[in-house]
Amino acid sequence: MPASPILDQYGQPMQREVPGKDVLTREIARPTISGVRSVLTGYPSDGLTPGRVATILREADAGDPLRYLELAEIVEERDLHYVGVLGTRKRSISQLAMTVDAASDDRRDVEIADMVRAWLLRDELQDETFDILDAIGKGISHTEIVWDTSEGQWQPKRLEWRDPRWFTFDLVDGRTPLLRTEAGNVPLPPFKFISASIRAKSGLPIRSGLARLACWGWMFKSFTLRDWAIFTQSYGQPIRVGKYEPSATGPERDVLFDAVANIAGDCAAIIPASMTIDFVEMKSAANSAELYLKRADWLDQQISKGVLGQTATTDAIAGGHAVGQEHRQVQEDIERADARSLAAALNRDLIRPWVDLEYGPQKAYPRLKIGREDQKDIKTTIEALKVLVPMGLRIQTSDAADMIGFADPDAGADILRAPAAQQPVLPPAPPSPLPSPQGELPPALQAAFNDATSQGDAVDRAVEAMLGEEGWAPLVAPIVAGLEPQLAAATSVEEVTAILSRHLAGMDVSALTELLARAAFAARLAGEANQPLSDRA
């Protein structure tokens, strides 16, 4: 059963051999010395009028975009503001990072994705993508892929920008690009061109470029600049008026006229003493000149809005921080849209054909992505994990690392770890029961030992007796006896202090002292019971 043919994005089967020549490895849209693909261009902007612009645009709509594409090129060359904002938009995309997602985690899919990633490291890629983005201005761009098979592999050797004047569109659908040749317009060979279309508005590609909008603004601004130049020449300097006497002869009048005519450029003249020259200035000339400036600036602002969607990043427009942030967000929206359009064209016209040629048709293909990385709020993510994980949220470690922006560690790599947790300080263990003494003890000591082991530690029992419900009252009563009525009769703090000092010197603490002595003696006996008394010094 024959293998299914490889089809391009338009459903055409790829033919590597055309009349004995490899189409994919040679340049088929290079310029020619003579013929329809000449580098020489026309200048439809000479003597441009609104009627002529309308005619050029109608020709493009009818299927002959040659003069419109020439006009679009001239507008970029002659309008400094337009080429500036258009270049800003193109460079912001061509400098964005490109990433490749493998079709799956399968080893073969990862290998294919790595092949594309290695190719993206080429230094020429930024200039090549800048040329592809010519579609922003003209609506469409065509870039020829020159393939390299020198070592038996298929790999894009370079991407060559081709002049859009060398292409046209199918007259039936107005979308399918055709290559101009001496033999007529022919379809583009499969796997040979990157045809990017970036639309400023919905519609046919030839009517969706920014140049179609910019050519009107450039024409009107050209009229304004021309009138401004004439006004400056006429009224930018004072009018010279020469006066001569009625008796002046013809040669004398000629001398005066030459002086008046040349004094502006030469700034010097010689005239007879009987003649005078007056300089008449127009007081309102400055105000009149400002009208031309305002009109030119207004047209530039409209160009900025059309290309960048806002004016704050290119024109001196006053506004607060909030206005600047809003305008920047508009520019970022356009940037993301352009990046997606460029990535779609590269995935369709370059990545997929390359994979088909090198590995054959696949069920899924690697995906090229262009754009800035999303700014991650790491602090908010960590705070959420600290709250949700203890509540029972189940999340993979790799997913949490991706959310924060960290990659999985490589095998054998040094890994940051949390410091070792400190061991908790445990409360002291309760005293173990006293071991039975070896040998016989004297009767008195044996009784004390039995009492300690049966009722607990003597000190503990003494404390319990002192702090029990009735144990503390007999001990404290002798100490505070007679103190209450003396304190009640005191009238000042000094008197209270004196009463307490006298009472402290003669207070009765004999009962408390006796109880503490007995408790200490019982504890001593319990301690001595752990070893024979004969061992004591």
Protein backbone atom coordinates (compact mmCIF):
# COMPACT_ATOMS: atom_id res chain seq x y z
CA MET A 1 0.00 0.00 0.00
CA PRO A 2 1.63 3.30 -1.02
CA ALA A 3 2.40 5.81 1.73
CA SER A 4 0.05 8.76 2.00
CA PRO A 5 1.50 11.91 0.41
CA ILE A 6 2.67 14.85 2.50
CA LEU A 7 0.33 17.80 2.08
CA ASP A 8 1.01 21.47 2.68
CA GLN A 9 -1.23 23.97 4.45
CA TYR A 10 -3.28 24.42 1.27
CA GLY A 11 -3.77 20.65 0.75
CA GLN A 12 -1.27 20.40 -2.08
CA PRO A 13 0.97 17.30 -2.19
CA MET A 14 4.66 18.02 -1.83
CA GLN A 15 6.75 17.33 -4.94
CA ARG A 16 10.45 17.31 -4.25
CA GLU A 17 11.36 16.92 -7.91
CA VAL A 18 10.04 19.33 -10.52
CA PRO A 19 11.50 18.80 -14.04
CA GLY A 20 14.53 17.11 -12.54
CA LYS A 21 15.35 19.86 -10.03
CA ASP A 22 14.89 19.93 -6.29
CA VAL A 23 12.49 22.76 -5.61
CA LEU A 24 13.01 22.74 -1.87
CA THR A 25 16.79 23.20 -1.97
CA ARG A 26 16.97 26.01 -4.52
CA GLU A 27 15.68 29.57 -4.49
CA ILE A 28 12.71 29.90 -6.82
CA ALA A 29 11.64 33.47 -5.96
CA ARG A 30 14.98 35.24 -6.18
CA PRO A 31 15.11 38.55 -8.10
CA THR A 32 15.88 38.58 -11.80
CA ILE A 33 17.73 41.09 -13.95
CA SER A 34 14.80 41.34 -16.27
CA GLY A 35 11.27 40.12 -15.93
CA VAL A 36 8.54 40.52 -13.36
CA ARG A 37 10.77 40.16 -10.27
CA SER A 38 13.06 43.16 -10.69
CA VAL A 39 14.48 45.02 -7.71
CA LEU A 40 13.73 48.28 -9.53
CA THR A 41 10.51 49.84 -8.33
CA GLY A 42 8.10 52.49 -9.49
CA TYR A 43 7.28 55.71 -7.66
CA PRO A 44 3.51 56.16 -7.71
CA SER A 45 3.82 58.81 -4.98
CA ASP A 46 5.17 61.43 -7.39
CA GLY A 47 2.45 64.03 -7.86
CA LEU A 48 0.16 62.15 -5.52
CA THR A 49 -3.41 63.39 -5.20
CA PRO A 50 -6.46 62.00 -3.39
CA GLY A 51 -7.86 60.83 -6.70
CA ARG A 52 -4.68 58.99 -7.56
CA VAL A 53 -4.54 57.29 -4.16
CA ALA A 54 -8.11 56.09 -4.63
CA THR A 55 -7.23 54.69 -8.04
CA ILE A 56 -4.22 52.80 -6.68
CA LEU A 57 -6.30 51.25 -3.91
CA ARG A 58 -9.02 50.21 -6.37
CA GLU A 59 -6.41 48.50 -8.53
CA ALA A 60 -5.26 46.48 -5.51
CA ASP A 61 -8.84 45.49 -4.72
CA ALA A 62 -9.30 44.35 -8.33
CA GLY A 63 -6.33 41.95 -8.11
CA ASP A 64 -3.38 44.13 -9.16
CA PRO A 65 -1.62 45.19 -5.92
CA LEU A 66 1.66 46.21 -7.58
CA ARG A 67 1.32 50.00 -7.33
CA TYR A 68 -0.24 49.79 -3.87
CA LEU A 69 2.73 47.78 -2.56
CA GLU A 70 5.12 50.27 -4.14
CA LEU A 71 3.23 53.11 -2.46
CA ALA A 72 3.36 51.29 0.89
CA GLU A 73 7.14 50.99 0.58
CA ILE A 74 7.51 54.69 -0.22
CA VAL A 75 5.39 55.73 2.75
CA GLU A 76 7.75 53.81 5.04
CA GLU A 77 10.76 55.49 3.44
CA ARG A 78 9.48 59.07 3.54
CA ASP A 79 7.38 59.32 6.69
CA LEU A 80 9.75 59.30 9.65
CA HIS A 81 6.96 59.01 12.19
CA TYR A 82 5.28 56.08 10.47
CA VAL A 83 8.50 54.10 10.04
CA GLY A 84 9.35 54.84 13.68
CA VAL A 85 6.15 53.51 15.23
CA LEU A 86 5.96 50.63 12.76
CA GLY A 87 9.56 49.67 13.55
CA THR A 88 8.77 49.83 17.26
CA ARG A 89 5.92 47.39 16.84
CA LYS A 90 7.97 45.00 14.69
CA ARG A 91 11.05 45.05 16.91
CA SER A 92 9.04 44.47 20.07
CA ILE A 93 7.91 41.14 18.56
CA SER A 94 11.15 40.06 16.90
CA GLN A 95 13.01 40.39 20.22
CA LEU A 96 10.57 38.29 22.25
CA ALA A 97 11.66 34.92 23.58
CA MET A 98 10.63 31.81 21.62
CA THR A 99 9.87 28.56 23.41
CA VAL A 100 8.94 25.13 22.09
CA ASP A 101 6.54 22.71 23.79
CA ALA A 102 6.97 19.05 22.87
CA ALA A 103 3.91 17.25 21.56
CA SER A 104 4.15 14.82 24.50
CA ASP A 105 6.64 13.37 26.98
CA ASP A 106 7.46 10.57 24.55
CA ARG A 107 11.17 10.29 23.80
CA ARG A 108 10.66 10.89 20.08
CA ASP A 109 8.49 13.96 20.62
CA VAL A 110 11.07 15.39 23.01
CA GLU A 111 13.78 14.75 20.42
CA ILE A 112 11.81 16.63 17.77
CA ALA A 113 11.21 19.56 20.11
CA ASP A 114 14.92 19.70 20.98
CA MET A 115 15.75 19.85 17.26
CA VAL A 116 13.56 22.92 16.85
CA ARG A 117 14.94 24.54 20.01
CA ALA A 118 18.51 24.16 18.76
CA TRP A 119 17.60 25.82 15.45
CA LEU A 120 16.01 28.78 17.23
CA LEU A 121 19.39 29.71 18.71
CA ARG A 122 20.57 31.06 15.36
CA ASP A 123 21.77 34.68 15.47
CA GLU A 124 20.01 35.48 12.19
CA LEU A 125 16.58 34.57 13.50
CA GLN A 126 15.80 38.02 14.92
CA ASP A 127 16.40 39.73 11.56
CA GLU A 128 14.41 37.03 9.75
CA THR A 129 11.41 37.43 12.04
CA PHE A 130 11.65 41.21 11.64
CA ASP A 131 11.29 40.73 7.87
CA ILE A 132 8.37 38.33 8.31
CA LEU A 133 6.64 41.04 10.33
CA ASP A 134 6.57 43.20 7.20
CA ALA A 135 3.03 41.81 7.11
CA ILE A 136 2.04 44.33 9.79
CA GLY A 137 2.38 47.20 7.34
CA LYS A 138 1.41 45.59 4.04
CA GLY A 139 -1.02 43.00 5.33
CA ILE A 140 0.97 39.99 4.13
CA SER A 141 4.59 38.95 3.73
CA HIS A 142 6.26 36.04 1.96
CA THR A 143 9.51 34.51 3.17
CA GLU A 144 11.22 31.77 1.19
CA ILE A 145 12.62 28.78 3.07
CA VAL A 146 15.97 27.56 1.75
CA TRP A 147 16.43 23.96 2.95
CA ASP A 148 19.75 22.32 3.72
CA THR A 149 20.22 18.61 2.91
CA SER A 150 24.02 18.56 2.79
CA GLU A 151 24.32 15.74 5.35
CA GLY A 152 21.19 13.85 4.41
CA GLN A 153 19.04 15.77 6.87
CA TRP A 154 16.28 18.31 6.33
CA GLN A 155 16.92 21.63 8.06
CA PRO A 156 16.04 25.26 7.25
CA LYS A 157 19.29 26.84 6.12
CA ARG A 158 17.96 30.41 6.04
CA LEU A 159 14.78 32.40 5.61
CA GLU A 160 14.89 34.89 2.72
CA TRP A 161 12.53 37.87 2.65
CA ARG A 162 10.93 38.33 -0.73
CA ASP A 163 9.56 41.58 -2.09
CA PRO A 164 5.76 41.48 -1.79
CA ARG A 165 5.55 43.09 -5.25
CA TRP A 166 6.57 39.71 -6.70
CA PHE A 167 3.37 38.09 -5.46
CA THR A 168 -0.30 38.52 -6.09
CA PHE A 169 -3.54 36.78 -5.11
CA ASP A 170 -5.94 34.39 -6.73
CA LEU A 171 -8.70 36.39 -8.44
CA VAL A 172 -11.39 34.00 -7.24
CA ASP A 173 -10.89 34.05 -3.46
CA GLY A 174 -8.49 36.99 -3.10
CA ARG A 175 -6.54 35.09 -0.45
CA THR A 176 -4.45 32.37 -2.05
CA PRO A 177 -0.99 33.83 -2.79
CA LEU A 178 0.52 33.38 -6.26
CA LEU A 179 4.10 33.88 -7.44
CA ARG A 180 4.69 36.15 -10.41
CA THR A 181 6.73 34.46 -13.15
CA GLU A 182 7.43 35.17 -16.80
CA ALA A 183 5.03 32.36 -17.62
CA GLY A 184 2.26 33.81 -15.49
CA ASN A 185 1.12 33.67 -11.90
CA VAL A 186 1.67 30.22 -10.33
CA PRO A 187 0.75 28.75 -6.91
CA LEU A 188 3.45 28.70 -4.28
CA PRO A 189 5.25 25.33 -4.05
CA PRO A 190 4.46 23.36 -0.87
CA PHE A 191 6.84 23.65 2.07
CA LYS A 192 8.68 26.52 0.42
CA PHE A 193 7.25 29.79 1.80
CA ILE A 194 6.16 31.30 5.09
CA SER A 195 3.14 33.42 4.23
CA ALA A 196 2.28 35.58 7.23
CA SER A 197 -0.88 37.66 7.40
CA ILE A 198 -1.31 40.15 10.26
CA ARG A 199 -4.52 42.11 9.99
CA ALA A 200 -5.30 45.58 11.26
CA LYS A 201 -8.92 44.92 10.29
CA SER A 202 -10.97 42.02 9.08
CA GLY A 203 -11.11 41.45 5.35
CA LEU A 204 -8.93 40.34 2.46
CA PRO A 205 -5.17 40.35 3.18
CA ILE A 206 -4.46 43.11 0.67
CA ARG A 207 -6.98 45.38 2.41
CA SER A 208 -6.02 44.61 6.01
CA GLY A 209 -2.55 46.18 6.25
CA LEU A 210 -1.71 49.39 8.06
CA ALA A 211 -0.19 50.92 4.92
CA ARG A 212 -3.67 51.25 3.43
CA LEU A 213 -4.57 53.53 6.32
CA ALA A 214 -1.21 55.28 6.59
CA CYS A 215 -1.01 56.34 2.93
CA TRP A 216 -3.90 58.78 3.42
CA GLY A 217 -2.36 60.36 6.50
CA TRP A 218 1.03 60.59 4.80
CA MET A 219 -0.49 62.27 1.73
CA PHE A 220 -2.33 64.91 3.78
CA LYS A 221 0.74 65.52 5.94
CA SER A 222 2.80 65.97 2.76
CA PHE A 223 0.39 68.68 1.66
CA THR A 224 0.70 70.33 5.08
CA LEU A 225 4.50 70.22 5.06
CA ARG A 226 4.62 71.65 1.54
CA ASP A 227 2.34 74.53 2.46
CA TRP A 228 4.33 75.10 5.64
CA ALA A 229 7.56 75.30 3.65
CA ILE A 230 6.02 77.84 1.25
CA PHE A 231 4.69 79.88 4.14
CA THR A 232 8.08 79.87 5.84
CA GLN A 233 9.82 81.02 2.70
CA SER A 234 7.30 83.78 2.17
CA TYR A 235 6.66 85.01 5.69
CA GLY A 236 9.42 83.51 7.78
CA GLN A 237 11.53 86.56 7.06
CA PRO A 238 10.45 90.21 6.63
CA ILE A 239 9.39 91.57 3.24
CA ARG A 240 11.98 93.87 1.66
CA VAL A 241 10.61 97.01 0.09
CA GLY A 242 13.03 99.24 -1.88
CA LYS A 243 12.32 102.93 -2.41
CA TYR A 244 13.87 105.10 -5.11
CA GLU A 245 13.56 108.75 -6.07
CA PRO A 246 11.35 109.73 -9.03
CA SER A 247 14.43 110.84 -10.89
CA ALA A 248 16.10 107.39 -10.63
CA THR A 249 17.17 105.99 -13.96
CA GLY A 250 16.61 102.48 -15.23
CA PRO A 251 20.06 101.15 -14.26
CA GLU A 252 19.61 102.64 -10.78
CA ARG A 253 16.29 100.83 -10.38
CA ASP A 254 17.91 97.57 -11.47
CA VAL A 255 20.57 97.99 -8.79
CA LEU A 256 17.90 98.52 -6.13
CA PHE A 257 15.90 95.49 -7.28
CA ASP A 258 18.95 93.25 -7.21
CA ALA A 259 19.72 94.43 -3.71
CA VAL A 260 16.17 93.73 -2.47
CA ALA A 261 16.06 90.32 -4.13
CA ASN A 262 19.43 89.12 -2.87
CA ILE A 263 19.64 90.64 0.57
CA ALA A 264 17.87 87.71 2.23
CA GLY A 265 20.40 85.16 1.05
CA ASP A 266 23.49 87.34 0.82
CA CYS A 267 22.71 89.51 3.84
CA ALA A 268 24.62 92.32 2.13
CA ALA A 269 23.93 94.84 -0.63
CA ILE A 270 25.18 98.12 -2.06
CA ILE A 271 22.73 100.83 -3.09
CA PRO A 272 23.04 104.57 -3.78
CA ALA A 273 22.57 106.91 -0.83
CA SER A 274 19.40 108.32 -2.37
CA MET A 275 17.66 104.92 -2.17
CA THR A 276 16.21 103.18 0.94
CA ILE A 277 15.12 99.63 1.81
CA ASP A 278 12.40 98.97 4.41
CA PHE A 279 11.77 95.57 6.11
CA VAL A 280 8.05 94.92 6.69
CA GLU A 281 7.30 92.19 9.26
CA MET A 282 4.00 90.33 9.64
CA LYS A 283 2.90 90.36 13.27
CA SER A 284 0.60 87.31 12.89
CA ALA A 285 3.09 85.10 11.03
CA ALA A 286 4.01 83.10 14.14
CA ASN A 287 0.38 82.31 14.94
CA SER A 288 -0.29 81.26 11.38
CA ALA A 289 2.74 78.94 11.34
CA GLU A 290 1.47 77.19 14.47
CA LEU A 291 -1.55 75.92 12.53
CA TYR A 292 0.72 73.86 10.29
CA LEU A 293 2.52 72.41 13.30
CA LYS A 294 -0.72 71.43 14.99
CA ARG A 295 -2.04 69.79 11.84
CA ALA A 296 1.16 67.80 11.27
CA ASP A 297 1.24 66.68 14.93
CA TRP A 298 -2.43 65.69 14.78
CA LEU A 299 -1.82 63.52 11.72
CA ASP A 300 1.16 61.88 13.46
CA GLN A 301 -1.03 61.11 16.46
CA GLN A 302 -3.55 59.38 14.21
CA ILE A 303 -0.75 57.27 12.75
CA SER A 304 0.35 56.35 16.29
CA LYS A 305 -3.17 55.29 17.18
CA GLY A 306 -3.44 53.16 14.06
CA VAL A 307 -0.09 51.42 14.53
CA LEU A 308 0.30 51.21 18.32
CA GLY A 309 -3.27 51.76 19.47
CA GLN A 310 -2.25 54.74 21.64
CA THR A 311 -0.12 57.87 21.66
CA ALA A 312 1.54 58.05 25.08
CA THR A 313 4.60 55.96 24.17
CA THR A 314 5.47 57.96 21.02
CA ASP A 315 4.00 61.47 21.26
CA ALA A 316 4.40 64.12 23.92
CA ILE A 317 0.91 63.66 25.32
CA ALA A 318 0.41 64.87 28.90
CA GLY A 319 -1.16 62.43 31.31
CA GLY A 320 -0.78 60.94 34.74
CA HIS A 321 0.64 57.60 35.74
CA ALA A 322 -2.73 55.89 35.32
CA VAL A 323 -3.04 57.13 31.73
CA GLY A 324 0.47 55.90 30.94
CA GLN A 325 -0.27 52.49 32.44
CA GLU A 326 -3.47 52.19 30.42
CA HIS A 327 -1.71 53.08 27.18
CA ARG A 328 1.05 50.59 27.94
CA GLN A 329 -1.55 47.87 28.46
CA VAL A 330 -3.01 48.67 25.03
CA GLN A 331 0.44 48.27 23.47
CA GLU A 332 0.93 44.96 25.28
CA ASP A 333 -2.43 43.69 23.95
CA ILE A 334 -1.31 44.43 20.39
CA GLU A 335 2.07 42.84 21.09
CA ARG A 336 0.46 39.59 22.26
CA ALA A 337 -1.81 39.50 19.20
CA ASP A 338 1.13 40.00 16.82
CA ALA A 339 3.16 37.34 18.64
CA ARG A 340 0.34 34.81 18.32
CA SER A 341 -0.07 35.57 14.61
CA LEU A 342 3.67 35.16 13.98
CA ALA A 343 3.82 31.93 15.99
CA ALA A 344 0.83 30.54 14.07
CA ALA A 345 2.53 31.27 10.73
CA LEU A 346 5.80 29.65 11.83
CA ASN A 347 4.04 26.57 13.24
CA ARG A 348 2.00 26.12 10.06
CA ASP A 349 4.55 26.98 7.36
CA LEU A 350 7.89 26.05 8.97
CA ILE A 351 7.73 23.75 12.01
CA ARG A 352 5.19 21.25 10.67
CA PRO A 353 6.73 20.97 7.17
CA TRP A 354 10.17 20.55 8.72
CA VAL A 355 9.00 17.74 11.00
CA ASP A 356 7.22 16.04 8.08
CA LEU A 357 10.34 16.16 5.94
CA GLU A 358 12.69 14.97 8.69
CA TYR A 359 10.51 12.47 10.59
CA GLY A 360 7.44 11.97 8.45
CA PRO A 361 3.83 12.90 9.28
CA GLN A 362 3.07 12.91 12.99
CA LYS A 363 -0.11 12.69 15.02
CA ALA A 364 0.96 15.77 16.99
CA TYR A 365 3.65 18.38 16.41
CA PRO A 366 5.78 20.58 18.65
CA ARG A 367 4.31 23.98 19.28
CA LEU A 368 6.30 27.20 19.00
CA LYS A 369 5.24 29.99 21.35
CA ILE A 370 6.34 33.63 21.27
CA GLY A 371 5.79 36.13 24.05
CA ARG A 372 6.84 37.47 27.37
CA GLU A 373 6.66 35.22 30.39
CA ASP A 374 3.70 35.88 32.62
CA GLN A 375 4.65 37.75 35.77
CA LYS A 376 4.07 35.36 38.68
CA ASP A 377 3.00 36.70 42.05
CA ILE A 378 5.25 34.38 44.03
CA LYS A 379 4.32 35.87 47.39
CA THR A 380 0.60 35.32 46.85
CA THR A 381 1.21 31.76 45.61
CA ILE A 382 3.30 30.84 48.64
CA GLU A 383 0.78 32.33 51.05
CA ALA A 384 -2.02 30.37 49.36
CA LEU A 385 -0.06 27.10 49.60
CA LYS A 386 0.72 27.73 53.26
CA VAL A 387 -3.01 28.02 53.96
CA LEU A 388 -4.48 25.44 51.58
CA VAL A 389 -2.03 22.54 52.03
CA PRO A 390 -2.68 22.20 55.79
CA MET A 391 -6.39 22.27 54.97
CA GLY A 392 -6.01 19.16 52.80
CA LEU A 393 -5.15 20.48 49.32
CA ARG A 394 -3.27 17.82 47.35
CA ILE A 395 -0.79 19.25 44.87
CA GLN A 396 2.27 17.77 43.19
CA THR A 397 5.65 19.20 44.09
CA SER A 398 6.45 19.73 40.39
CA ASP A 399 3.22 21.68 39.88
CA ALA A 400 3.98 23.88 42.87
CA ALA A 401 7.48 24.52 41.51
CA ASP A 402 6.04 25.47 38.10
CA MET A 403 3.62 27.89 39.75
CA ILE A 404 6.51 29.64 41.47
CA GLY A 405 8.74 29.47 38.40
CA PHE A 406 11.32 26.83 39.38
CA ALA A 407 12.30 23.85 37.25
CA ASP A 408 12.60 20.32 38.60
CA PRO A 409 16.12 19.65 39.96
CA ASP A 410 18.54 17.68 37.81
CA ALA A 411 19.81 14.32 38.92
CA GLY A 412 22.81 14.69 41.20
CA ALA A 413 22.47 18.46 41.53
CA ASP A 414 23.06 20.25 44.82
CA ILE A 415 19.68 21.00 46.33
CA LEU A 416 18.77 23.62 48.87
CA ARG A 417 17.18 21.98 51.90
CA ALA A 418 15.33 23.21 54.94
CA PRO A 419 17.47 23.42 58.12
CA ALA A 420 17.24 20.44 60.43
CA ALA A 421 14.41 20.77 62.90
CA GLN A 422 15.43 21.21 66.54
CA GLN A 423 14.51 18.39 68.91
CA PRO A 424 11.75 19.44 71.29
CA VAL A 425 12.72 19.82 74.93
CA LEU A 426 10.93 17.05 76.81
CA PRO A 427 9.84 17.43 80.45
CA PRO A 428 11.93 15.45 82.94
CA ALA A 429 10.84 11.89 83.42
CA PRO A 430 9.06 11.11 86.67
CA PRO A 431 11.31 9.57 89.33
CA SER A 432 11.50 5.84 89.07
CA PRO A 433 10.47 3.75 92.06
CA LEU A 434 13.22 3.29 94.59
CA PRO A 435 14.96 -0.05 94.19
CA SER A 436 14.87 -2.47 97.04
CA PRO A 437 18.02 -2.08 99.13
CA GLN A 438 20.51 -4.93 99.27
CA GLY A 439 20.84 -6.34 102.73
CA GLU A 440 19.10 -5.46 105.96
CA LEU A 441 18.81 -1.89 107.35
CA PRO A 442 18.48 -0.73 110.96
CA PRO A 443 14.83 -0.73 112.06
CA ALA A 444 14.49 3.08 112.11
CA LEU A 445 16.01 3.51 108.66
CA GLN A 446 13.96 0.63 107.29
CA ALA A 447 10.76 2.30 108.52
CA ALA A 448 11.71 5.57 106.85
CA PHE A 449 12.48 3.71 103.62
CA ASN A 450 9.15 1.89 103.67
CA ASP A 451 7.35 5.16 104.31
CA ALA A 452 9.12 6.88 101.35
CA THR A 453 8.51 4.07 98.88
CA SER A 454 4.90 3.55 99.82
CA GLN A 455 3.74 7.14 99.96
CA GLY A 456 6.03 8.89 97.45
CA ASP A 457 8.79 11.41 97.87
CA ALA A 458 8.92 13.02 101.29
CA VAL A 459 9.44 16.50 99.89
CA ASP A 460 6.42 16.09 97.60
CA ARG A 461 4.30 14.94 100.52
CA ALA A 462 5.44 17.86 102.63
CA VAL A 463 4.56 20.31 99.86
CA GLU A 464 1.16 18.72 99.47
CA ALA A 465 0.60 18.98 103.21
CA MET A 466 1.59 22.65 103.20
CA LEU A 467 -0.60 23.56 100.21
CA GLY A 468 -3.51 21.29 100.93
CA GLU A 469 -6.93 22.42 101.93
CA GLU A 470 -6.09 22.65 105.72
CA GLY A 471 -2.30 22.18 105.72
CA TRP A 472 -1.24 25.76 105.25
CA ALA A 473 -3.49 27.44 107.85
CA PRO A 474 -1.71 26.13 111.04
CA LEU A 475 1.65 27.13 109.58
CA VAL A 476 0.73 30.68 108.56
CA ALA A 477 -1.40 31.53 111.63
CA PRO A 478 1.57 32.11 114.02
CA ILE A 479 3.33 34.24 111.38
CA VAL A 480 0.47 36.74 110.87
CA ALA A 481 -0.88 36.71 114.39
CA GLY A 482 -1.69 40.28 115.55
CA LEU A 483 -0.77 41.85 112.20
CA GLU A 484 -4.28 42.50 110.89
CA PRO A 485 -5.46 45.03 113.54
CA GLN A 486 -2.17 46.93 113.32
CA LEU A 487 -2.46 47.30 109.54
CA ALA A 488 -6.09 48.33 109.84
CA ALA A 489 -5.10 51.15 112.19
CA ALA A 490 -2.31 52.45 109.88
CA THR A 491 -2.96 55.76 108.08
CA SER A 492 -0.03 55.95 105.63
CA VAL A 493 2.31 53.80 103.57
CA GLU A 494 5.24 54.75 105.82
CA GLU A 495 3.32 53.52 108.87
CA VAL A 496 2.48 50.21 107.16
CA THR A 497 6.17 49.75 106.25
CA ALA A 498 7.20 50.34 109.85
CA ILE A 499 4.58 47.86 111.17
CA LEU A 500 5.77 45.13 108.77
CA SER A 501 9.42 45.72 109.72
CA ARG A 502 8.68 45.34 113.47
CA HIS A 503 6.50 42.30 112.87
CA LEU A 504 9.11 40.58 110.67
CA ALA A 505 11.69 40.81 113.44
CA GLY A 506 9.50 38.95 115.96
CA MET A 507 7.21 36.71 113.83
CA ASP A 508 6.78 33.06 114.93
CA VAL A 509 8.01 30.68 112.14
CA SER A 510 8.77 27.71 114.36
CA ALA A 511 5.91 25.55 113.01
CA LEU A 512 6.91 26.08 109.36
CA THR A 513 10.58 25.53 110.20
CA GLU A 514 9.87 22.25 111.96
CA LEU A 515 7.79 20.94 109.04
CA LEU A 516 10.51 21.79 106.49
CA ALA A 517 13.15 20.12 108.67
CA ARG A 518 11.10 16.94 108.92
CA ALA A 519 10.54 16.91 105.12
CA ALA A 520 14.28 17.39 104.46
CA PHE A 521 15.13 14.62 106.90
CA ALA A 522 12.65 12.24 105.28
CA ALA A 523 14.09 13.00 101.83
CA ARG A 524 17.61 12.38 103.17
CA LEU A 525 16.54 9.01 104.46
CA ALA A 526 14.92 8.12 101.14
CA GLY A 527 18.14 9.03 99.30
CA GLU A 528 20.32 7.06 101.66
CA ALA A 529 18.14 4.00 101.12
CA ASN A 530 19.60 3.51 97.62
CA GLN A 531 22.96 2.32 99.02
CA PRO A 532 24.26 0.77 102.22
CA LEU A 533 25.03 3.17 105.01
CA SER A 534 28.43 1.60 105.37
CA ASP A 535 29.46 3.22 102.05
CA ARG A 536 28.97 6.69 103.49
CA ALA A 537 32.06 8.49 104.66
